[in-house]
C-alpha atoms as a PDB file:
ATOM      1  CA  MET A   1      71.896 -39.779 -60.825  1.00  0.00           C
ATOM      2  CA  LYS A   2      75.376 -38.306 -61.805  1.00  0.00           C
ATOM      3  CA  ASN A   3      75.963 -38.374 -65.605  1.00  0.00           C
ATOM      4  CA  THR A   4      79.032 -40.606 -65.755  1.00  0.00           C
ATOM      5  CA  LEU A   5      80.478 -43.568 -67.222  1.00  0.00           C
ATOM      6  CA  GLY A   6      82.368 -45.548 -64.431  1.00  0.00           C
ATOM      7  CA  LYS A   7      84.908 -48.419 -63.748  1.00  0.00           C
ATOM      8  CA  GLN A   8      82.014 -50.438 -62.270  1.00  0.00           C
ATOM      9  CA  GLU A   9      79.576 -49.668 -64.781  1.00  0.00           C
ATOM     10  CA  ARG A  10      81.691 -50.753 -67.792  1.00  0.00           C
ATOM     11  CA  LEU A  11      81.409 -54.428 -69.045  1.00  0.00           C
ATOM     12  CA  LYS A  12      84.776 -56.023 -68.348  1.00  0.00           C
ATOM     13  CA  SER A  13      84.063 -59.618 -67.537  1.00  0.00           C
ATOM     14  CA  ARG A  14      85.433 -62.271 -70.304  1.00  0.00           C
ATOM     15  CA  LYS A  15      83.322 -64.681 -68.840  1.00  0.00           C
ATOM     16  CA  LEU A  16      79.899 -62.175 -68.583  1.00  0.00           C
ATOM     17  CA  ILE A  17      80.889 -61.544 -72.536  1.00  0.00           C
ATOM     18  CA  GLU A  18      81.036 -64.753 -73.322  1.00  0.00           C
ATOM     19  CA  LYS A  19      77.582 -66.168 -72.049  1.00  0.00           C
ATOM     20  CA  LEU A  20      76.185 -62.301 -72.811  1.00  0.00           C
ATOM     21  CA  TYR A  21      76.944 -63.791 -76.725  1.00  0.00           C
ATOM     22  CA  GLN A  22      75.748 -67.178 -76.119  1.00  0.00           C
ATOM     23  CA  GLN A  23      72.481 -66.655 -74.402  1.00  0.00           C
ATOM     24  CA  GLY A  24      71.579 -62.863 -74.895  1.00  0.00           C
ATOM     25  CA  ASN A  25      69.068 -61.465 -77.014  1.00  0.00           C
ATOM     26  CA  SER A  26      69.377 -58.331 -79.624  1.00  0.00           C
ATOM     27  CA  VAL A  27      67.569 -55.171 -80.810  1.00  0.00           C
ATOM     28  CA  LYS A  28      68.693 -53.419 -83.362  1.00  0.00           C
ATOM     29  CA  THR A  29      68.445 -49.635 -84.893  1.00  0.00           C
ATOM     30  CA  PHE A  30      71.038 -49.082 -87.796  1.00  0.00           C
ATOM     31  CA  PRO A  31      73.909 -48.694 -87.153  1.00  0.00           C
ATOM     32  CA  LEU A  32      74.098 -49.563 -83.614  1.00  0.00           C
ATOM     33  CA  ARG A  33      73.337 -53.296 -82.082  1.00  0.00           C
ATOM     34  CA  MET A  34      73.076 -54.141 -78.961  1.00  0.00           C
ATOM     35  CA  VAL A  35      72.794 -57.814 -77.020  1.00  0.00           C
ATOM     36  CA  PHE A  36      71.599 -58.003 -73.869  1.00  0.00           C
ATOM     37  CA  LEU A  37      71.326 -60.765 -71.140  1.00  0.00           C
ATOM     38  CA  GLN A  38      69.511 -60.180 -67.908  1.00  0.00           C
ATOM     39  CA  THR A  39      72.015 -61.684 -65.751  1.00  0.00           C
ATOM     40  CA  GLU A  40      73.775 -61.346 -61.934  1.00  0.00           C
ATOM     41  CA  HIS A  41      77.033 -58.741 -61.773  1.00  0.00           C
ATOM     42  CA  THR A  42      79.542 -57.762 -59.227  1.00  0.00           C
ATOM     43  CA  SER A  43      78.306 -54.315 -59.516  1.00  0.00           C
ATOM     44  CA  LYS A  44      76.063 -51.804 -57.615  1.00  0.00           C
ATOM     45  CA  PHE A  45      75.015 -50.618 -60.626  1.00  0.00           C
ATOM     46  CA  VAL A  46      71.300 -51.750 -62.570  1.00  0.00           C
ATOM     47  CA  ALA A  47      73.473 -52.120 -65.918  1.00  0.00           C
ATOM     48  CA  GLN A  48      76.768 -52.987 -67.376  1.00  0.00           C
ATOM     49  CA  MET A  49      77.470 -52.049 -70.826  1.00  0.00           C
ATOM     50  CA  GLY A  50      80.731 -52.450 -73.299  1.00  0.00           C
ATOM     51  CA  VAL A  51      80.748 -51.125 -77.255  1.00  0.00           C
ATOM     52  CA  SER A  52      82.574 -52.843 -80.144  1.00  0.00           C
ATOM     53  CA  VAL A  53      83.471 -51.628 -83.543  1.00  0.00           C
ATOM     54  CA  PRO A  54      84.703 -54.363 -86.293  1.00  0.00           C
ATOM     55  CA  LYS A  55      88.175 -54.231 -87.069  1.00  0.00           C
ATOM     56  CA  ARG A  56      87.146 -55.779 -90.686  1.00  0.00           C
ATOM     57  CA  ASN A  57      84.667 -52.255 -91.277  1.00  0.00           C
ATOM     58  CA  PHE A  58      86.783 -49.905 -89.509  1.00  0.00           C
ATOM     59  CA  LYS A  59      91.035 -50.956 -90.410  1.00  0.00           C
ATOM     60  CA  LEU A  60      92.277 -48.057 -88.836  1.00  0.00           C
ATOM     61  CA  ALA A  61      92.281 -48.352 -84.568  1.00  0.00           C
ATOM     62  CA  VAL A  62      91.478 -44.350 -84.437  1.00  0.00           C
ATOM     63  CA  ASP A  63      88.494 -44.433 -86.650  1.00  0.00           C
ATOM     64  CA  ARG A  64      87.528 -47.573 -83.933  1.00  0.00           C
ATOM     65  CA  ASN A  65      88.390 -45.945 -81.359  1.00  0.00           C
ATOM     66  CA  ARG A  66      86.783 -42.968 -82.018  1.00  0.00           C
ATOM     67  CA  ILE A  67      83.288 -44.466 -82.683  1.00  0.00           C
ATOM     68  CA  LYS A  68      83.406 -46.874 -79.618  1.00  0.00           C
ATOM     69  CA  ARG A  69      84.120 -42.808 -77.709  1.00  0.00           C
ATOM     70  CA  LEU A  70      81.250 -41.268 -79.077  1.00  0.00           C
ATOM     71  CA  MET A  71      78.959 -44.335 -78.374  1.00  0.00           C
ATOM     72  CA  ARG A  72      80.122 -44.030 -74.862  1.00  0.00           C
ATOM     73  CA  GLU A  73      79.070 -40.673 -74.490  1.00  0.00           C
ATOM     74  CA  THR A  74      76.017 -40.998 -76.092  1.00  0.00           C
ATOM     75  CA  TYR A  75      74.618 -43.317 -73.660  1.00  0.00           C
ATOM     76  CA  ARG A  76      76.502 -41.665 -70.681  1.00  0.00           C
ATOM     77  CA  LEU A  77      74.082 -39.162 -71.890  1.00  0.00           C
ATOM     78  CA  GLN A  78      71.166 -40.697 -71.758  1.00  0.00           C
ATOM     79  CA  LYS A  79      71.756 -44.041 -69.366  1.00  0.00           C
ATOM     80  CA  ASN A  80      68.693 -42.634 -67.911  1.00  0.00           C
ATOM     81  CA  ILE A  81      66.547 -44.006 -70.170  1.00  0.00           C
ATOM     82  CA  VAL A  82      67.587 -47.382 -69.158  1.00  0.00           C
ATOM     83  CA  TYR A  83      68.381 -47.029 -65.161  1.00  0.00           C
ATOM     84  CA  ASN A  84      65.018 -45.691 -64.500  1.00  0.00           C
ATOM     85  CA  ASN A  85      62.844 -48.264 -66.145  1.00  0.00           C
ATOM     86  CA  LEU A  86      65.276 -50.967 -64.750  1.00  0.00           C
ATOM     87  CA  ASP A  87      64.871 -53.126 -61.728  1.00  0.00           C
ATOM     88  CA  MET A  88      66.374 -56.339 -62.364  1.00  0.00           C
ATOM     89  CA  PRO A  89      70.458 -56.533 -62.994  1.00  0.00           C
ATOM     90  CA  TYR A  90      71.339 -56.415 -67.222  1.00  0.00           C
ATOM     91  CA  VAL A  91      74.536 -56.610 -69.045  1.00  0.00           C
ATOM     92  CA  PHE A  92      74.716 -55.578 -72.670  1.00  0.00           C
ATOM     93  CA  MET A  93      76.905 -54.754 -75.226  1.00  0.00           C
ATOM     94  CA  ILE A  94      76.298 -52.489 -78.133  1.00  0.00           C
ATOM     95  CA  SER A  95      78.052 -52.638 -81.519  1.00  0.00           C
ATOM     96  CA  TYR A  96      78.626 -50.203 -84.039  1.00  0.00           C
ATOM     97  CA  ILE A  97      77.302 -52.423 -87.507  1.00  0.00           C
ATOM     98  CA  GLY A  98      77.711 -49.526 -89.758  1.00  0.00           C
ATOM     99  CA  LYS A  99      80.020 -49.272 -92.490  1.00  0.00           C
ATOM    100  CA  GLU A 100      80.840 -45.518 -92.553  1.00  0.00           C
ATOM    101  CA  GLU A 101      81.285 -43.193 -89.288  1.00  0.00           C
ATOM    102  CA  ARG A 102      78.219 -41.587 -88.736  1.00  0.00           C
ATOM    103  CA  SER A 103      77.949 -37.852 -87.535  1.00  0.00           C
ATOM    104  CA  TYR A 104      77.553 -37.253 -83.241  1.00  0.00           C
ATOM    105  CA  SER A 105      74.157 -35.848 -83.467  1.00  0.00           C
ATOM    106  CA  GLU A 106      73.388 -38.474 -85.728  1.00  0.00           C
ATOM    107  CA  LEU A 107      74.607 -41.378 -83.230  1.00  0.00           C
ATOM    108  CA  CYS A 108      73.092 -39.616 -80.519  1.00  0.00           C
ATOM    109  CA  LEU A 109      69.107 -40.114 -81.998  1.00  0.00           C
ATOM    110  CA  LYS A 110      70.149 -43.648 -83.053  1.00  0.00           C
ATOM    111  CA  MET A 111      71.053 -44.555 -79.349  1.00  0.00           C
ATOM    112  CA  GLU A 112      67.905 -42.744 -77.922  1.00  0.00           C
ATOM    113  CA  LYS A 113      66.125 -44.936 -80.386  1.00  0.00           C
ATOM    114  CA  LEU A 114      68.048 -48.444 -79.442  1.00  0.00           C
ATOM    115  CA  LEU A 115      67.646 -47.874 -75.551  1.00  0.00           C
ATOM    116  CA  LYS A 116      64.224 -46.997 -75.837  1.00  0.00           C
ATOM    117  CA  LEU A 117      63.652 -50.206 -77.743  1.00  0.00           C
ATOM    118  CA  PHE A 118      65.627 -52.040 -74.916  1.00  0.00           C
ATOM    119  CA  VAL A 119      63.754 -51.155 -72.183  1.00  0.00           C
ATOM    120  CA  ALA A 120      60.334 -51.937 -74.266  1.00  0.00           C
ATOM    121  CA  LYS A 121      61.577 -55.087 -75.182  1.00  0.00           C
ATOM    122  CA  VAL A 122      62.944 -56.231 -71.704  1.00  0.00           C
ATOM    123  CA  ASN A 123      59.281 -54.704 -70.411  1.00  0.00           C
ATOM    124  CA  GLU A 124      57.522 -56.993 -72.419  1.00  0.00           C
ATOM    125  CA  LYS A 125      59.470 -59.924 -71.719  1.00  0.00           C
ATOM    126  CA  LYS A 126      58.394 -58.937 -67.822  1.00  0.00           C
ATOM    127  CA  ASP A 127      54.824 -58.666 -68.966  1.00  0.00           C
ATOM    128  CA  GLU A 128      54.436 -61.743 -70.156  1.00  0.00           C
ATOM    129  CA  ASN A 129      55.795 -63.796 -67.410  1.00  0.00           C
END
């Protein structure tokens, strides 16, 4: 699998995002929070993801954009954790809930922990059914 994050892997659909926040479940590893939902989407990939950083915590757009760029990069490098363990299509949104900017290495560790937590929760739900 390529380590890319193309257009097909990004969550852009307004309808899917609304549905995600209304019906989705969440996992959290400070300063990251993931809201996820098992649903069909138009992509050929198993997962579609989006990132968000609140304007309330980071007033300057350059700060928000930098954090989003770092989050996408850490996900891109570790997405094999998700892809190797999912068999049904998922959409998820990763939000930055911290109030100060973290280093890239710290974000990498937190993203890895978050993705493993997500996979564990999905497998737990699958075992219940």
